[in-house]
Amino acid sequence: MRRDGIALSLILSAALLAAAAGPAAAGDAVAAARAYRQANGAEILARYVELLEIPNVARDLDNVERNAEWIRQRLAARGVAAELWRIEGVPPIVYGRLEVPGAQRTVGIYVHYDGQPVDRDQWTFDPWTPVLTTAALEDGGVRRPLPRPGEPIDPEWRLYARSSGDDKAPIPAILAALDALRQAGIQPTSNLVFFFEGEEEAGSEHLGDYMRAHRRELAVDLWLICDGPVHPSRRPQLVFGVRGYTGFDLTVYGAGRYLHSGHYGNWAPNPAMMLARLLASMKDDRGDVTIAGFYDDSAPLSDAERAAMAALPDYDDALRRELGLAWTEGDGASLAERLRRPSLNVRGMASAAVGEAARNVIPTTATASIDVRLVRGDDPEVMLDRVEEHVRRQGYHVVRQDPDLETRLRYARIARIDRRPGYKAAGAPLDAPVVQPVIAAARRVAGDELVLMPTLGGSLPLYLFTELLAAPVVIVPIANHDDNQHAPDENLRLANLWYGIDLMAALFTME
């Protein structure tokens, strides 16, 4: 992932040559980035800590505004024409544009600067007070002060804070890459459009509104989506698509009030057991979804995708050990193969209470919250229609609100389904001409270690970029795969930040 073994003298020499040669020496951009971060690592971290100290939960509009203004000011200080776009009551967009004389291509860079809510009690450190440790906490890392200017920096150090990995990490990488190129006298080869969102973790509800209002400013040839982790093997990766998303909450009903489990057990239906059977009917022991038609519309892999899949590192056994899994679904199919199929996941269940709060009762309801990941060809509404039909085939009457007494007495089994909005899978073909410069630029940094991943397991509303803005997308992850994304003790491995700086310099100067 990194080239820390290269002698510093060689790096500095390359940077000096780049500075002398000017824009024509774009091939020296990576060396210039490495020289810059070697010399200014402490300052880069200190600036990043400033940003991480600002809480960034999307619903906290005052602090989200502070984040946006911090980013706008830093872009403007680097010669980017930067401004904030606003919709009342909504996190602002940070928009910036860097025009390059003679550039034949415009590249858009998307980052989201908001983060997931936090439960402070579950964190080792305060999530809004960034802490540097000597290694991952689970590997015995201990807290240490931020480095002083010129002090050597261990790339295995970790920076703990909310959004340190997801998704503020690309921001210091972008800023440092711009600084490195300017210091070395190297000019980007593309016009650059920066598009930073503050509502992604809250569902990007207004992202489409911003895009529709600013289509002209967002007209680019290609979008680089700076989000997500590198490959679990720690190897750098480019990702050429994401799964789509939809979901629903499923509630089944028992008696209209709690019943004593001794007085009524074995007589009154238990909705928790009913729900367990209903959920079990949706997947088989292999882990495949048994809902009729669930896989019918999924598009097959292209030849380029098959080749990329065959070249992926064989890391599943190591990942099972890391996660403590004795088996995985699909009868030995690889993780990458399983990500190329739509999935149905129970993300949470609730019925009465457990632990010290448990009582000897028969619950009145049981609810499961379910997410459905989609691949290319799947339609969110059609998939939910198929789920509902499956529930009906199991003997349930489907409702949209809690049933009244008349409905309860009329139907033996009742299921309420609350559908959530969804979106389709999106991406770019691996063999598309427009993405080849991105691959070549990433290889300038990662060499043969680069992984080309057809689809990311997670979901992003990238269909907005491909449909509303009519431009292909490539996902450019930099965060470590074990960054505790969305969870307590989120962190960024410094080696990944250094890689991100090098990568941004390469992408800004791609041929």
Protein backbone atom coordinates (compact mmCIF):
# COMPACT_ATOMS: atom_id res chain seq x y z
CA MET A 1 0.00 0.00 0.00
CA ARG A 2 2.81 2.43 0.78
CA ARG A 3 6.39 2.87 -0.47
CA ASP A 4 7.96 3.93 2.80
CA GLY A 5 11.07 1.90 1.94
CA ILE A 6 12.06 4.34 -0.80
CA ALA A 7 14.98 6.43 0.35
CA LEU A 8 13.98 9.94 1.35
CA SER A 9 16.79 11.37 -0.71
CA LEU A 10 15.36 9.83 -3.87
CA ILE A 11 11.92 11.17 -3.08
CA LEU A 12 13.26 14.65 -2.51
CA SER A 13 15.24 14.47 -5.72
CA ALA A 14 12.14 13.49 -7.67
CA ALA A 15 10.19 16.34 -6.12
CA LEU A 16 12.91 18.84 -7.05
CA LEU A 17 12.92 17.58 -10.63
CA ALA A 18 9.15 17.93 -10.75
CA ALA A 19 9.34 21.48 -9.46
CA ALA A 20 11.91 22.35 -12.11
CA ALA A 21 10.00 20.73 -14.94
CA GLY A 22 6.60 22.22 -14.05
CA PRO A 23 3.28 20.94 -15.40
CA ALA A 24 4.83 18.64 -18.00
CA ALA A 25 6.32 16.45 -15.25
CA ALA A 26 3.00 15.16 -13.98
CA GLY A 27 4.53 11.71 -13.61
CA ASP A 28 6.49 13.02 -10.64
CA ALA A 29 3.32 13.97 -8.75
CA VAL A 30 3.37 10.84 -6.59
CA ALA A 31 6.99 11.42 -5.60
CA ALA A 32 6.14 15.02 -4.79
CA ALA A 33 3.22 13.90 -2.60
CA ARG A 34 5.42 11.43 -0.72
CA ALA A 35 8.10 14.05 -0.16
CA TYR A 36 5.52 16.55 1.07
CA ARG A 37 3.87 14.24 3.57
CA GLN A 38 7.24 12.97 4.80
CA ALA A 39 8.23 16.55 5.57
CA ASN A 40 4.84 17.79 6.81
CA GLY A 41 3.17 14.78 8.43
CA ALA A 42 2.76 16.45 11.81
CA GLU A 43 1.11 19.51 10.28
CA ILE A 44 -1.22 17.34 8.15
CA LEU A 45 -2.36 15.45 11.25
CA ALA A 46 -2.81 18.63 13.28
CA ARG A 47 -5.05 20.13 10.60
CA TYR A 48 -7.04 16.92 10.38
CA VAL A 49 -7.56 16.91 14.14
CA GLU A 50 -9.09 20.40 13.84
CA LEU A 51 -11.72 19.03 11.46
CA LEU A 52 -12.40 15.90 13.51
CA GLU A 53 -13.03 18.01 16.61
CA ILE A 54 -16.15 19.48 14.98
CA PRO A 55 -19.18 17.19 15.59
CA ASN A 56 -20.77 16.24 12.28
CA VAL A 57 -24.05 14.39 12.84
CA ALA A 58 -26.26 15.49 9.94
CA ARG A 59 -29.17 16.60 12.15
CA ASP A 60 -26.88 18.90 14.14
CA LEU A 61 -27.11 21.72 11.62
CA ASP A 62 -25.07 24.26 13.57
CA ASN A 63 -22.04 21.98 13.78
CA VAL A 64 -22.55 20.67 10.25
CA GLU A 65 -22.37 24.28 9.10
CA ARG A 66 -19.07 24.66 10.98
CA ASN A 67 -17.69 21.61 9.18
CA ALA A 68 -18.75 22.95 5.80
CA GLU A 69 -17.24 26.37 6.41
CA TRP A 70 -13.97 24.82 7.63
CA ILE A 71 -13.71 22.82 4.40
CA ARG A 72 -14.70 25.79 2.21
CA GLN A 73 -12.03 27.98 3.74
CA ARG A 74 -9.31 25.35 3.27
CA LEU A 75 -10.24 24.79 -0.36
CA ALA A 76 -10.30 28.53 -1.02
CA ALA A 77 -6.87 28.92 0.56
CA ARG A 78 -5.56 26.53 -2.10
CA GLY A 79 -6.88 28.48 -5.05
CA VAL A 80 -10.17 26.61 -5.42
CA ALA A 81 -13.23 28.73 -6.16
CA ALA A 82 -15.29 27.42 -3.24
CA GLU A 83 -18.76 28.21 -1.95
CA LEU A 84 -21.59 26.72 0.08
CA TRP A 85 -24.87 25.72 -1.52
CA ARG A 86 -27.84 25.77 0.81
CA ILE A 87 -31.38 24.50 1.10
CA GLU A 88 -33.16 25.78 4.19
CA GLY A 89 -33.00 23.32 7.07
CA VAL A 90 -30.60 21.01 5.19
CA PRO A 91 -26.83 20.47 5.55
CA PRO A 92 -25.00 22.58 2.97
CA ILE A 93 -23.02 21.33 0.02
CA VAL A 94 -19.40 22.46 -0.20
CA TYR A 95 -18.78 23.14 -3.87
CA GLY A 96 -15.42 24.01 -5.35
CA ARG A 97 -13.96 24.32 -8.82
CA LEU A 98 -10.33 24.41 -9.93
CA GLU A 99 -9.91 25.33 -13.59
CA VAL A 100 -6.74 24.14 -15.29
CA PRO A 101 -5.66 25.91 -18.51
CA GLY A 102 -5.70 23.54 -21.42
CA ALA A 103 -7.38 20.68 -19.55
CA GLN A 104 -9.42 18.40 -21.81
CA ARG A 105 -11.32 16.65 -19.02
CA THR A 106 -13.28 17.61 -15.89
CA VAL A 107 -13.21 15.24 -12.94
CA GLY A 108 -15.64 15.44 -10.04
CA ILE A 109 -14.58 14.47 -6.51
CA TYR A 110 -17.34 13.53 -4.09
CA VAL A 111 -16.85 13.22 -0.33
CA HIS A 112 -19.41 13.29 2.48
CA TYR A 113 -18.32 15.16 5.60
CA ASP A 114 -21.15 14.10 7.92
CA GLY A 115 -20.95 11.07 10.21
CA GLN A 116 -23.05 8.59 12.13
CA PRO A 117 -24.47 9.46 15.56
CA VAL A 118 -22.45 8.31 18.57
CA ASP A 119 -23.09 6.67 21.92
CA ARG A 120 -20.29 8.18 24.00
CA ASP A 121 -20.56 5.45 26.64
CA GLN A 122 -19.44 2.84 24.10
CA TRP A 123 -16.28 4.70 23.06
CA THR A 124 -12.90 4.30 24.70
CA PHE A 125 -12.22 7.99 24.08
CA ASP A 126 -14.51 10.93 23.50
CA PRO A 127 -15.56 10.64 19.82
CA TRP A 128 -15.10 14.38 19.24
CA THR A 129 -11.67 14.54 20.88
CA PRO A 130 -9.30 12.82 18.42
CA VAL A 131 -6.77 10.51 20.04
CA LEU A 132 -3.62 9.13 18.44
CA THR A 133 -2.53 5.63 19.50
CA THR A 134 0.57 3.57 18.79
CA ALA A 135 -1.48 0.77 17.17
CA ALA A 136 -5.05 -0.46 17.03
CA LEU A 137 -6.51 -0.68 20.53
CA GLU A 138 -7.27 -4.37 20.15
CA ASP A 139 -3.59 -4.92 19.28
CA GLY A 140 -2.36 -3.20 22.44
CA GLY A 141 -2.12 0.34 21.13
CA VAL A 142 -1.76 3.07 23.75
CA ARG A 143 -2.46 6.77 23.63
CA ARG A 144 0.36 9.06 22.60
CA PRO A 145 0.64 12.79 21.84
CA LEU A 146 0.40 14.16 18.36
CA PRO A 147 3.84 14.29 16.73
CA ARG A 148 5.85 17.47 16.77
CA PRO A 149 6.97 19.00 13.45
CA GLY A 150 9.79 16.89 12.04
CA GLU A 151 9.19 13.97 14.43
CA PRO A 152 9.14 10.55 12.74
CA ILE A 153 5.64 9.12 12.28
CA ASP A 154 4.86 5.43 12.42
CA PRO A 155 2.37 4.57 9.65
CA GLU A 156 0.79 1.96 11.95
CA TRP A 157 -0.39 4.63 14.38
CA ARG A 158 -4.18 5.05 14.55
CA LEU A 159 -6.24 8.22 14.87
CA TYR A 160 -9.48 7.60 16.81
CA ALA A 161 -12.50 9.87 16.29
CA ARG A 162 -15.93 9.78 14.69
CA SER A 163 -15.59 10.05 10.89
CA SER A 164 -11.81 9.64 11.02
CA GLY A 165 -12.27 6.86 8.46
CA ASP A 166 -15.80 7.39 7.15
CA ASP A 167 -15.71 9.82 5.53
CA LYS A 168 -13.59 12.79 6.49
CA ALA A 169 -10.36 10.95 5.67
CA PRO A 170 -10.31 11.97 1.97
CA ILE A 171 -10.46 15.66 2.94
CA PRO A 172 -6.96 15.97 4.45
CA ALA A 173 -5.68 13.73 1.65
CA ILE A 174 -7.11 16.10 -0.97
CA LEU A 175 -5.78 19.21 0.78
CA ALA A 176 -2.31 17.74 1.26
CA ALA A 177 -2.17 16.56 -2.36
CA LEU A 178 -3.04 20.06 -3.58
CA ASP A 179 -0.35 21.50 -1.31
CA ALA A 180 2.21 18.99 -2.54
CA LEU A 181 1.51 19.68 -6.20
CA ARG A 182 1.63 23.43 -5.69
CA GLN A 183 4.91 23.22 -3.76
CA ALA A 184 6.43 21.06 -6.51
CA GLY A 185 5.16 23.30 -9.30
CA ILE A 186 3.06 20.50 -10.80
CA GLN A 187 -0.25 21.38 -12.38
CA PRO A 188 -3.30 19.08 -12.37
CA THR A 189 -4.14 17.63 -15.76
CA SER A 190 -7.93 17.86 -15.30
CA ASN A 191 -10.35 20.54 -14.23
CA LEU A 192 -11.43 19.54 -10.72
CA VAL A 193 -14.91 19.86 -9.25
CA PHE A 194 -15.26 19.27 -5.51
CA PHE A 195 -18.70 18.22 -4.26
CA PHE A 196 -18.85 17.56 -0.51
CA GLU A 197 -22.15 16.44 1.02
CA GLY A 198 -23.29 16.77 4.65
CA GLU A 199 -26.29 14.44 4.68
CA GLU A 200 -25.07 11.07 3.41
CA GLU A 201 -25.33 9.25 6.73
CA ALA A 202 -28.89 10.53 7.06
CA GLY A 203 -29.89 9.06 3.70
CA SER A 204 -28.87 11.80 1.21
CA GLU A 205 -32.50 12.88 1.15
CA HIS A 206 -31.74 16.20 -0.54
CA LEU A 207 -28.75 15.23 -2.68
CA GLY A 208 -30.92 14.93 -5.78
CA ASP A 209 -32.42 18.36 -5.11
CA TYR A 210 -28.96 19.90 -5.05
CA MET A 211 -28.03 18.09 -8.25
CA ARG A 212 -31.14 19.21 -10.11
CA ALA A 213 -30.57 22.81 -9.07
CA HIS A 214 -26.89 22.78 -10.12
CA ARG A 215 -26.65 20.49 -13.13
CA ARG A 216 -24.46 22.93 -15.05
CA GLU A 217 -21.91 23.33 -12.26
CA LEU A 218 -21.81 19.55 -11.79
CA ALA A 219 -21.24 18.65 -15.45
CA VAL A 220 -18.13 16.44 -15.43
CA ASP A 221 -16.69 13.58 -17.46
CA LEU A 222 -16.20 11.26 -14.49
CA TRP A 223 -16.98 11.15 -10.78
CA LEU A 224 -14.52 9.85 -8.21
CA ILE A 225 -16.47 8.80 -5.11
CA CYS A 226 -14.09 9.02 -2.17
CA ASP A 227 -15.71 6.72 0.36
CA GLY A 228 -15.35 3.26 1.85
CA PRO A 229 -12.46 1.03 2.95
CA VAL A 230 -9.63 -0.66 1.10
CA HIS A 231 -9.68 -4.41 0.53
CA PRO A 232 -9.73 -6.59 3.70
CA SER A 233 -6.23 -7.79 2.78
CA ARG A 234 -5.13 -4.14 3.29
CA ARG A 235 -4.40 -3.88 -0.43
CA PRO A 236 -5.59 -0.70 -2.18
CA GLN A 237 -8.64 -1.07 -4.37
CA LEU A 238 -10.77 0.73 -6.91
CA VAL A 239 -14.46 -0.15 -6.92
CA PHE A 240 -16.59 0.18 -10.03
CA GLY A 241 -20.08 -0.15 -8.61
CA VAL A 242 -22.26 -0.31 -5.54
CA ARG A 243 -25.27 -2.36 -4.67
CA GLY A 244 -28.63 -0.67 -4.54
CA TYR A 245 -30.74 -0.58 -1.43
CA THR A 246 -34.24 -0.93 -0.13
CA GLY A 247 -35.78 -2.32 3.02
CA PHE A 248 -38.81 -2.72 5.21
CA ASP A 249 -39.98 -3.24 8.77
CA LEU A 250 -42.07 -6.36 9.35
CA THR A 251 -44.40 -6.63 12.35
CA VAL A 252 -46.57 -9.61 13.29
CA TYR A 253 -49.29 -9.58 15.93
CA GLY A 254 -50.52 -11.70 18.82
CA ALA A 255 -53.07 -10.80 21.46
CA GLY A 256 -54.11 -7.20 21.98
CA ARG A 257 -52.40 -7.07 25.41
CA TYR A 258 -49.52 -8.83 27.16
CA LEU A 259 -50.51 -12.24 28.53
CA HIS A 260 -49.05 -14.24 31.42
CA SER A 261 -46.91 -16.99 29.91
CA GLY A 262 -48.06 -19.51 32.51
CA HIS A 263 -51.77 -18.82 32.22
CA TYR A 264 -51.85 -18.53 28.43
CA GLY A 265 -48.73 -20.29 27.14
CA ASN A 266 -49.40 -23.14 24.69
CA TRP A 267 -52.74 -21.50 23.84
CA ALA A 268 -52.25 -17.88 22.77
CA PRO A 269 -50.06 -17.46 19.64
CA ASN A 270 -46.63 -15.98 20.34
CA PRO A 271 -45.70 -13.36 17.71
CA ALA A 272 -41.98 -13.77 18.39
CA MET A 273 -42.19 -17.42 17.35
CA MET A 274 -44.39 -16.51 14.41
CA LEU A 275 -41.89 -13.94 13.23
CA ALA A 276 -39.00 -16.38 13.63
CA ARG A 277 -40.75 -18.91 11.38
CA LEU A 278 -41.68 -16.25 8.84
CA LEU A 279 -38.10 -14.99 8.61
CA ALA A 280 -36.74 -18.53 8.41
CA SER A 281 -38.99 -19.14 5.40
CA MET A 282 -37.14 -16.40 3.49
CA LYS A 283 -33.67 -18.04 3.41
CA ASP A 284 -32.43 -21.62 3.21
CA ASP A 285 -29.60 -23.24 5.15
CA ARG A 286 -27.11 -22.32 2.42
CA GLY A 287 -27.95 -18.64 2.89
CA ASP A 288 -29.81 -18.18 -0.39
CA VAL A 289 -33.06 -16.24 -0.46
CA THR A 290 -36.07 -18.45 -1.16
CA ILE A 291 -38.50 -15.67 -2.11
CA ALA A 292 -39.89 -16.42 -5.58
CA GLY A 293 -38.25 -14.33 -8.30
CA PHE A 294 -35.69 -12.76 -5.96
CA TYR A 295 -32.77 -13.39 -8.33
CA ASP A 296 -34.65 -13.22 -11.64
CA ASP A 297 -33.66 -9.70 -12.73
CA SER A 298 -30.04 -9.64 -11.56
CA ALA A 299 -27.70 -8.91 -14.47
CA PRO A 300 -24.90 -11.43 -15.17
CA LEU A 301 -21.24 -10.52 -14.85
CA SER A 302 -19.50 -9.07 -17.88
CA ASP A 303 -16.31 -10.65 -19.21
CA ALA A 304 -14.25 -7.81 -17.69
CA GLU A 305 -15.93 -8.31 -14.31
CA ARG A 306 -15.28 -12.05 -14.42
CA ALA A 307 -11.61 -11.40 -15.13
CA ALA A 308 -11.39 -8.92 -12.26
CA MET A 309 -13.09 -11.38 -9.91
CA ALA A 310 -10.64 -14.11 -10.88
CA ALA A 311 -7.72 -11.80 -10.09
CA LEU A 312 -8.93 -10.86 -6.60
CA PRO A 313 -6.71 -11.94 -3.69
CA ASP A 314 -7.80 -15.12 -1.96
CA TYR A 315 -8.43 -13.65 1.45
CA ASP A 316 -11.62 -15.29 2.67
CA ASP A 317 -9.98 -17.79 5.02
CA ALA A 318 -7.99 -15.04 6.71
CA LEU A 319 -11.11 -12.90 6.97
CA ARG A 320 -13.05 -15.76 8.59
CA ARG A 321 -10.31 -16.13 11.18
CA GLU A 322 -10.29 -12.38 11.81
CA LEU A 323 -14.07 -12.34 12.30
CA GLY A 324 -14.29 -15.59 14.25
CA LEU A 325 -16.50 -17.32 11.69
CA ALA A 326 -16.39 -21.09 11.35
CA TRP A 327 -18.53 -20.96 8.19
CA THR A 328 -19.96 -18.48 5.72
CA GLU A 329 -22.98 -18.58 3.47
CA GLY A 330 -22.89 -19.88 -0.07
CA ASP A 331 -21.20 -23.25 0.50
CA GLY A 332 -17.70 -21.85 0.22
CA ALA A 333 -18.43 -19.11 -2.32
CA SER A 334 -16.11 -16.12 -1.92
CA LEU A 335 -17.22 -12.87 -0.36
CA ALA A 336 -16.80 -11.13 -3.72
CA GLU A 337 -19.07 -13.68 -5.39
CA ARG A 338 -21.75 -13.23 -2.74
CA LEU A 339 -21.63 -9.46 -3.14
CA ARG A 340 -22.63 -9.93 -6.77
CA ARG A 341 -26.03 -11.27 -5.69
CA PRO A 342 -28.93 -9.40 -4.06
CA SER A 343 -29.20 -10.05 -0.33
CA LEU A 344 -31.80 -10.02 2.41
CA ASN A 345 -30.54 -9.23 5.90
CA VAL A 346 -32.28 -9.03 9.27
CA ARG A 347 -30.65 -5.95 10.75
CA GLY A 348 -32.58 -5.95 14.00
CA MET A 349 -35.40 -7.63 15.92
CA ALA A 350 -37.59 -6.61 18.87
CA SER A 351 -40.26 -8.35 20.92
CA ALA A 352 -40.93 -7.68 24.61
CA ALA A 353 -37.61 -7.58 26.54
CA VAL A 354 -34.58 -9.69 27.45
CA GLY A 355 -32.06 -9.85 30.29
CA GLU A 356 -33.01 -8.25 33.60
CA ALA A 357 -35.96 -6.51 31.91
CA ALA A 358 -37.49 -9.81 30.73
CA ARG A 359 -40.91 -10.77 32.09
CA ASN A 360 -42.93 -13.99 31.97
CA VAL A 361 -45.22 -12.77 29.23
CA ILE A 362 -46.40 -13.59 25.75
CA PRO A 363 -45.53 -10.52 23.65
CA THR A 364 -48.20 -8.62 21.74
CA THR A 365 -46.01 -7.97 18.68
CA ALA A 366 -42.68 -8.87 17.15
CA THR A 367 -40.83 -6.68 14.66
CA ALA A 368 -37.88 -7.21 12.38
CA SER A 369 -36.07 -4.49 10.45
CA ILE A 370 -34.77 -5.84 7.15
CA ASP A 371 -32.47 -4.42 4.49
CA VAL A 372 -32.33 -5.68 0.90
CA ARG A 373 -29.19 -5.04 -1.16
CA LEU A 374 -29.66 -4.92 -4.91
CA VAL A 375 -27.38 -5.60 -7.86
CA ARG A 376 -27.53 -4.24 -11.38
CA GLY A 377 -30.91 -5.07 -12.94
CA ASP A 378 -32.88 -5.20 -9.69
CA ASP A 379 -35.68 -2.71 -9.07
CA PRO A 380 -36.36 -1.69 -5.44
CA GLU A 381 -40.15 -1.65 -5.70
CA VAL A 382 -40.31 -4.94 -7.58
CA MET A 383 -38.16 -6.59 -4.92
CA LEU A 384 -40.44 -5.38 -2.13
CA ASP A 385 -43.48 -6.56 -4.09
CA ARG A 386 -41.92 -10.04 -4.19
CA VAL A 387 -41.28 -9.95 -0.45
CA GLU A 388 -44.89 -9.02 0.23
CA GLU A 389 -46.15 -11.79 -2.01
CA HIS A 390 -43.96 -14.25 -0.12
CA VAL A 391 -45.44 -13.09 3.19
CA ARG A 392 -48.94 -13.59 1.82
CA ARG A 393 -48.03 -17.09 0.65
CA GLN A 394 -47.12 -17.92 4.23
CA GLY A 395 -50.72 -17.21 5.18
CA TYR A 396 -50.45 -13.61 6.33
CA HIS A 397 -52.81 -10.73 5.65
CA VAL A 398 -50.64 -7.68 4.89
CA VAL A 399 -51.55 -4.28 6.36
CA ARG A 400 -49.95 -0.81 6.33
CA GLN A 401 -50.95 0.22 9.85
CA ASP A 402 -51.69 -1.45 13.15
CA PRO A 403 -54.81 -3.60 12.77
CA ASP A 404 -58.04 -2.77 14.58
CA LEU A 405 -60.07 -5.34 16.54
CA GLU A 406 -62.23 -6.26 13.55
CA THR A 407 -59.15 -7.05 11.45
CA ARG A 408 -57.56 -9.03 14.29
CA LEU A 409 -60.68 -11.20 14.62
CA ARG A 410 -61.00 -11.70 10.87
CA TYR A 411 -57.43 -12.86 10.04
CA ALA A 412 -55.43 -15.50 11.91
CA ARG A 413 -52.07 -14.11 10.80
CA ILE A 414 -51.46 -10.39 10.23
CA ALA A 415 -48.23 -8.74 9.08
CA ARG A 416 -47.63 -5.04 8.85
CA ILE A 417 -45.04 -4.09 6.24
CA ASP A 418 -43.57 -0.59 6.29
CA ARG A 419 -41.58 -0.10 3.10
CA ARG A 420 -38.56 2.20 3.03
CA PRO A 421 -37.43 4.21 0.00
CA GLY A 422 -34.79 2.55 -2.15
CA TYR A 423 -32.51 3.07 -5.10
CA LYS A 424 -30.90 1.00 -7.81
CA ALA A 425 -27.36 -0.29 -8.09
CA ALA A 426 -24.98 1.90 -10.07
CA GLY A 427 -21.44 1.91 -11.38
CA ALA A 428 -19.15 1.94 -14.39
CA PRO A 429 -17.94 -0.93 -16.61
CA LEU A 430 -14.38 -1.94 -15.79
CA ASP A 431 -13.45 -1.82 -19.47
CA ALA A 432 -14.95 1.63 -20.17
CA PRO A 433 -12.34 3.95 -21.76
CA VAL A 434 -13.14 6.77 -19.32
CA VAL A 435 -12.00 4.73 -16.30
CA GLN A 436 -8.70 3.51 -17.73
CA PRO A 437 -6.78 6.67 -16.68
CA VAL A 438 -8.07 6.17 -13.13
CA ILE A 439 -6.75 2.62 -13.07
CA ALA A 440 -3.40 3.73 -14.48
CA ALA A 441 -3.11 6.56 -11.92
CA ALA A 442 -3.89 4.24 -9.01
CA ARG A 443 -1.29 1.79 -10.26
CA ARG A 444 1.30 4.56 -10.13
CA VAL A 445 0.77 4.48 -6.37
CA ALA A 446 -0.14 0.87 -5.62
CA GLY A 447 1.60 -1.02 -8.40
CA ASP A 448 0.58 -4.66 -8.75
CA GLU A 449 -1.07 -4.56 -5.32
CA LEU A 450 -4.08 -2.70 -6.75
CA VAL A 451 -7.35 -4.62 -6.50
CA LEU A 452 -10.08 -3.95 -9.08
CA MET A 453 -13.39 -4.72 -7.40
CA PRO A 454 -16.52 -4.85 -9.61
CA THR A 455 -18.93 -4.08 -6.74
CA LEU A 456 -18.71 -2.69 -3.22
CA GLY A 457 -20.75 -4.58 -0.67
CA GLY A 458 -22.34 -1.45 0.74
CA SER A 459 -24.84 0.87 -0.89
CA LEU A 460 -24.53 4.48 -1.94
CA PRO A 461 -27.01 6.61 -3.92
CA LEU A 462 -24.69 6.63 -6.92
CA TYR A 463 -27.64 6.25 -9.28
CA LEU A 464 -28.09 10.01 -8.77
CA PHE A 465 -24.69 10.59 -10.36
CA THR A 466 -25.24 8.16 -13.23
CA GLU A 467 -28.87 9.10 -13.93
CA LEU A 468 -29.26 12.77 -12.96
CA LEU A 469 -25.75 13.88 -13.89
CA ALA A 470 -25.18 11.29 -16.63
CA ALA A 471 -21.57 10.58 -15.72
CA PRO A 472 -19.82 7.33 -14.78
CA VAL A 473 -18.52 6.79 -11.25
CA VAL A 474 -15.50 5.05 -9.75
CA ILE A 475 -15.22 4.56 -6.00
CA VAL A 476 -11.81 5.47 -4.60
CA PRO A 477 -11.49 4.14 -1.03
CA ILE A 478 -8.61 4.99 1.29
CA ALA A 479 -9.74 4.05 4.83
CA ASN A 480 -8.47 0.87 6.51
CA HIS A 481 -10.84 -2.09 6.31
CA ASP A 482 -10.90 -2.36 10.14
CA ASP A 483 -11.72 1.30 10.79
CA ASN A 484 -14.88 0.48 12.84
CA GLN A 485 -16.98 2.36 10.32
CA HIS A 486 -20.26 3.56 11.90
CA ALA A 487 -19.28 1.91 15.19
CA PRO A 488 -17.62 2.96 18.46
CA ASP A 489 -13.87 3.57 18.33
CA GLU A 490 -13.82 4.50 14.65
CA ASN A 491 -10.24 5.04 13.56
CA LEU A 492 -7.90 5.74 10.66
CA ARG A 493 -4.59 3.93 10.17
CA LEU A 494 -2.03 6.57 9.20
CA ALA A 495 -0.61 4.38 6.43
CA ASN A 496 -4.01 4.69 4.78
CA LEU A 497 -3.96 8.47 5.05
CA TRP A 498 -0.49 8.57 3.50
CA TYR A 499 -1.73 6.32 0.70
CA GLY A 500 -4.69 8.64 0.20
CA ILE A 501 -2.43 11.66 -0.24
CA ASP A 502 -0.32 9.85 -2.82
CA LEU A 503 -3.42 8.60 -4.62
CA MET A 504 -5.04 12.02 -4.83
CA ALA A 505 -1.88 13.48 -6.30
CA ALA A 506 -1.87 10.69 -8.91
CA LEU A 507 -5.54 11.15 -9.75
CA PHE A 508 -5.23 14.93 -10.04
CA THR A 509 -2.45 14.43 -12.61
CA MET A 510 -3.74 11.36 -14.48
CA GLU A 511 -3.07 11.27 -18.19
